[in-house]
Amino acid sequence: MKNLANCTPREFMAQTVKIKKYASEWMKKTNISNIRKMEPELNDGMTAAEKKAAWNEQANKNLSAIFDELAEKHPEETLNLLAMLCFVEPENIDDNPMSDYISSLNEMLGSEAVMGFFISLVKLARSGIFRL
């Protein structure tokens, strides 16, 4: 399945422009940014091991909350974004099995070039040079 990790440079640029607006709205709807900021309650009396355990527990809670947002509260929006990452129009999502989308997502997440591109955009946005 074609995706951002195996497409041509021209396809990559055109598709990322198409995805940008949708992804921005998706991030707002799913509240992922705020969920990721949730931290455990720590106090000075906690040992390093207790603090580590608290962070691990919070990470699990955050991951669960993110999954709930993506799969339970906003499944259509999440599927639409996943389809766009794979050059599939949202109205044609059901033309492919979910395993193809999952494999493509794994390929994109494993691509240093694709991940580096998006990490760079986030860094630029945080610096104020670029607005997502």
C-alpha atoms as a PDB file:
ATOM      1  CA  MET A   1       0.000   0.000   0.000  1.00  0.00           C
ATOM      2  CA  LYS A   2       1.319   3.422  -0.877  1.00  0.00           C
ATOM      3  CA  ASN A   3       2.069   5.651   2.103  1.00  0.00           C
ATOM      4  CA  LEU A   4       4.303   8.557   3.057  1.00  0.00           C
ATOM      5  CA  ALA A   5       7.286   6.231   3.542  1.00  0.00           C
ATOM      6  CA  ASN A   6       7.233   4.723   0.050  1.00  0.00           C
ATOM      7  CA  CYS A   7       5.822   7.411  -2.247  1.00  0.00           C
ATOM      8  CA  THR A   8       7.628   9.714  -4.653  1.00  0.00           C
ATOM      9  CA  PRO A   9       8.894  13.117  -3.457  1.00  0.00           C
ATOM     10  CA  ARG A  10       6.163  14.933  -5.422  1.00  0.00           C
ATOM     11  CA  GLU A  11       3.479  12.677  -3.974  1.00  0.00           C
ATOM     12  CA  PHE A  12       4.893  13.201  -0.473  1.00  0.00           C
ATOM     13  CA  MET A  13       4.780  16.993  -0.737  1.00  0.00           C
ATOM     14  CA  ALA A  14       1.287  17.117  -2.224  1.00  0.00           C
ATOM     15  CA  GLN A  15      -0.129  14.652   0.307  1.00  0.00           C
ATOM     16  CA  THR A  16       1.453  16.303   3.355  1.00  0.00           C
ATOM     17  CA  VAL A  17      -0.120  19.619   2.339  1.00  0.00           C
ATOM     18  CA  LYS A  18      -3.469  17.846   2.024  1.00  0.00           C
ATOM     19  CA  ILE A  19      -3.034  16.139   5.402  1.00  0.00           C
ATOM     20  CA  LYS A  20      -1.859  19.254   7.292  1.00  0.00           C
ATOM     21  CA  LYS A  21      -5.229  20.939   7.658  1.00  0.00           C
ATOM     22  CA  TYR A  22      -7.055  17.737   8.522  1.00  0.00           C
ATOM     23  CA  ALA A  23      -4.414  16.675  11.048  1.00  0.00           C
ATOM     24  CA  SER A  24      -4.576  20.039  12.790  1.00  0.00           C
ATOM     25  CA  GLU A  25      -8.328  19.718  13.299  1.00  0.00           C
ATOM     26  CA  TRP A  26      -7.934  16.075  14.326  1.00  0.00           C
ATOM     27  CA  MET A  27      -5.428  17.046  17.024  1.00  0.00           C
ATOM     28  CA  LYS A  28      -7.845  19.633  18.427  1.00  0.00           C
ATOM     29  CA  LYS A  29     -10.792  17.219  18.424  1.00  0.00           C
ATOM     30  CA  THR A  30      -8.889  14.371  20.036  1.00  0.00           C
ATOM     31  CA  ASN A  31      -7.249  16.497  22.752  1.00  0.00           C
ATOM     32  CA  ILE A  32      -4.062  14.421  22.465  1.00  0.00           C
ATOM     33  CA  SER A  33      -1.791  17.385  23.184  1.00  0.00           C
ATOM     34  CA  ASN A  34      -3.413  18.003  26.556  1.00  0.00           C
ATOM     35  CA  ILE A  35      -3.526  14.329  27.470  1.00  0.00           C
ATOM     36  CA  ARG A  36       0.214  14.015  26.785  1.00  0.00           C
ATOM     37  CA  LYS A  37       0.865  16.867  29.243  1.00  0.00           C
ATOM     38  CA  MET A  38      -0.765  15.059  32.157  1.00  0.00           C
ATOM     39  CA  GLU A  39       1.808  14.328  34.844  1.00  0.00           C
ATOM     40  CA  PRO A  40       1.697  12.265  38.024  1.00  0.00           C
ATOM     41  CA  GLU A  41       1.483  13.848  41.435  1.00  0.00           C
ATOM     42  CA  LEU A  42       4.942  13.625  42.954  1.00  0.00           C
ATOM     43  CA  ASN A  43       6.196  14.757  46.328  1.00  0.00           C
ATOM     44  CA  ASP A  44       9.618  15.252  47.885  1.00  0.00           C
ATOM     45  CA  GLY A  45       9.188  12.229  50.133  1.00  0.00           C
ATOM     46  CA  MET A  46       9.028   9.810  47.205  1.00  0.00           C
ATOM     47  CA  THR A  47      11.991   7.618  46.378  1.00  0.00           C
ATOM     48  CA  ALA A  48      13.405   7.508  42.856  1.00  0.00           C
ATOM     49  CA  ALA A  49      11.732   4.131  42.354  1.00  0.00           C
ATOM     50  CA  GLU A  50       8.363   5.482  43.525  1.00  0.00           C
ATOM     51  CA  LYS A  51       8.691   8.473  41.180  1.00  0.00           C
ATOM     52  CA  LYS A  52       9.574   6.158  38.297  1.00  0.00           C
ATOM     53  CA  ALA A  53       6.567   3.962  39.094  1.00  0.00           C
ATOM     54  CA  ALA A  54       4.319   7.044  39.241  1.00  0.00           C
ATOM     55  CA  TRP A  55       5.577   8.197  35.828  1.00  0.00           C
ATOM     56  CA  ASN A  56       5.038   4.713  34.362  1.00  0.00           C
ATOM     57  CA  GLU A  57       1.525   4.585  35.774  1.00  0.00           C
ATOM     58  CA  GLN A  58       0.760   8.044  34.355  1.00  0.00           C
ATOM     59  CA  ALA A  59       2.168   7.050  30.961  1.00  0.00           C
ATOM     60  CA  ASN A  60      -0.174   4.049  30.915  1.00  0.00           C
ATOM     61  CA  LYS A  61      -3.139   6.240  31.879  1.00  0.00           C
ATOM     62  CA  ASN A  62      -2.241   8.753  29.180  1.00  0.00           C
ATOM     63  CA  LEU A  63      -1.876   6.042  26.557  1.00  0.00           C
ATOM     64  CA  SER A  64      -5.245   4.589  27.524  1.00  0.00           C
ATOM     65  CA  ALA A  65      -6.871   8.039  27.374  1.00  0.00           C
ATOM     66  CA  ILE A  66      -5.336   8.685  23.947  1.00  0.00           C
ATOM     67  CA  PHE A  67      -6.593   5.329  22.668  1.00  0.00           C
ATOM     68  CA  ASP A  68     -10.080   6.158  23.980  1.00  0.00           C
ATOM     69  CA  GLU A  69      -9.991   9.480  22.116  1.00  0.00           C
ATOM     70  CA  LEU A  70      -8.807   7.886  18.873  1.00  0.00           C
ATOM     71  CA  ALA A  71     -10.781   4.657  18.798  1.00  0.00           C
ATOM     72  CA  GLU A  72     -13.868   5.296  20.908  1.00  0.00           C
ATOM     73  CA  LYS A  73     -14.649   9.011  20.688  1.00  0.00           C
ATOM     74  CA  HIS A  74     -13.240   9.842  17.236  1.00  0.00           C
ATOM     75  CA  PRO A  75     -12.904   6.623  15.200  1.00  0.00           C
ATOM     76  CA  GLU A  76     -14.067   8.124  11.900  1.00  0.00           C
ATOM     77  CA  GLU A  77     -11.680  11.059  12.125  1.00  0.00           C
ATOM     78  CA  THR A  78      -8.811   8.748  13.062  1.00  0.00           C
ATOM     79  CA  LEU A  79      -9.573   6.373  10.188  1.00  0.00           C
ATOM     80  CA  ASN A  80      -9.805   9.325   7.792  1.00  0.00           C
ATOM     81  CA  LEU A  81      -6.360  10.525   8.830  1.00  0.00           C
ATOM     82  CA  LEU A  82      -4.881   7.042   8.571  1.00  0.00           C
ATOM     83  CA  ALA A  83      -6.391   6.662   5.097  1.00  0.00           C
ATOM     84  CA  MET A  84      -4.934   9.993   3.996  1.00  0.00           C
ATOM     85  CA  LEU A  85      -1.488   8.899   5.194  1.00  0.00           C
ATOM     86  CA  CYS A  86      -1.949   5.929   2.837  1.00  0.00           C
ATOM     87  CA  PHE A  87      -3.184   7.976  -0.146  1.00  0.00           C
ATOM     88  CA  VAL A  88      -6.712   6.619   0.250  1.00  0.00           C
ATOM     89  CA  GLU A  89      -9.626   9.023   0.088  1.00  0.00           C
ATOM     90  CA  PRO A  90     -11.712   8.815   3.275  1.00  0.00           C
ATOM     91  CA  GLU A  91     -14.801   7.663   1.350  1.00  0.00           C
ATOM     92  CA  ASN A  92     -12.772   4.631   0.144  1.00  0.00           C
ATOM     93  CA  ILE A  93     -11.475   3.481   3.540  1.00  0.00           C
ATOM     94  CA  ASP A  94     -13.359   0.182   3.442  1.00  0.00           C
ATOM     95  CA  ASP A  95     -11.766  -0.784   0.112  1.00  0.00           C
ATOM     96  CA  ASN A  96      -8.709  -2.060   2.043  1.00  0.00           C
ATOM     97  CA  PRO A  97      -8.396  -4.340   5.070  1.00  0.00           C
ATOM     98  CA  MET A  98      -7.358  -2.767   8.362  1.00  0.00           C
ATOM     99  CA  SER A  99      -4.200  -4.892   8.315  1.00  0.00           C
ATOM    100  CA  ASP A 100      -2.975  -2.898   5.293  1.00  0.00           C
ATOM    101  CA  TYR A 101      -3.407   0.373   7.173  1.00  0.00           C
ATOM    102  CA  ILE A 102      -1.688  -1.014  10.262  1.00  0.00           C
ATOM    103  CA  SER A 103       1.239  -2.309   8.194  1.00  0.00           C
ATOM    104  CA  SER A 104       1.543   1.043   6.455  1.00  0.00           C
ATOM    105  CA  LEU A 105       1.432   2.899   9.758  1.00  0.00           C
ATOM    106  CA  ASN A 106       4.204   0.672  11.100  1.00  0.00           C
ATOM    107  CA  GLU A 107       6.246   1.341   7.966  1.00  0.00           C
ATOM    108  CA  MET A 108       5.832   5.111   8.356  1.00  0.00           C
ATOM    109  CA  LEU A 109       6.633   5.064  12.075  1.00  0.00           C
ATOM    110  CA  GLY A 110       9.741   3.019  11.292  1.00  0.00           C
ATOM    111  CA  SER A 111      10.920   5.429   8.614  1.00  0.00           C
ATOM    112  CA  GLU A 112      13.571   7.781   9.969  1.00  0.00           C
ATOM    113  CA  ALA A 113      13.011  10.131   7.033  1.00  0.00           C
ATOM    114  CA  VAL A 114       9.240  10.404   7.552  1.00  0.00           C
ATOM    115  CA  MET A 115       9.485  10.732  11.312  1.00  0.00           C
ATOM    116  CA  GLY A 116      12.344  13.221  10.999  1.00  0.00           C
ATOM    117  CA  PHE A 117      10.277  15.368   8.652  1.00  0.00           C
ATOM    118  CA  PHE A 118       7.353  15.587  11.076  1.00  0.00           C
ATOM    119  CA  ILE A 119       9.571  16.083  14.125  1.00  0.00           C
ATOM    120  CA  SER A 120      11.282  18.949  12.309  1.00  0.00           C
ATOM    121  CA  LEU A 121       7.915  20.557  11.576  1.00  0.00           C
ATOM    122  CA  VAL A 122       6.921  20.321  15.225  1.00  0.00           C
ATOM    123  CA  LYS A 123      10.237  21.871  16.301  1.00  0.00           C
ATOM    124  CA  LEU A 124       9.792  24.713  13.836  1.00  0.00           C
ATOM    125  CA  ALA A 125       6.245  25.292  15.067  1.00  0.00           C
ATOM    126  CA  ARG A 126       7.409  25.394  18.686  1.00  0.00           C
ATOM    127  CA  SER A 127      10.151  27.891  17.820  1.00  0.00           C
ATOM    128  CA  GLY A 128       7.622  30.215  16.203  1.00  0.00           C
ATOM    129  CA  ILE A 129       9.307  30.059  12.790  1.00  0.00           C
ATOM    130  CA  PHE A 130       6.574  27.945  11.280  1.00  0.00           C
ATOM    131  CA  ARG A 131       2.884  27.618  12.075  1.00  0.00           C
ATOM    132  CA  LEU A 132       1.183  24.245  11.766  1.00  0.00           C
END
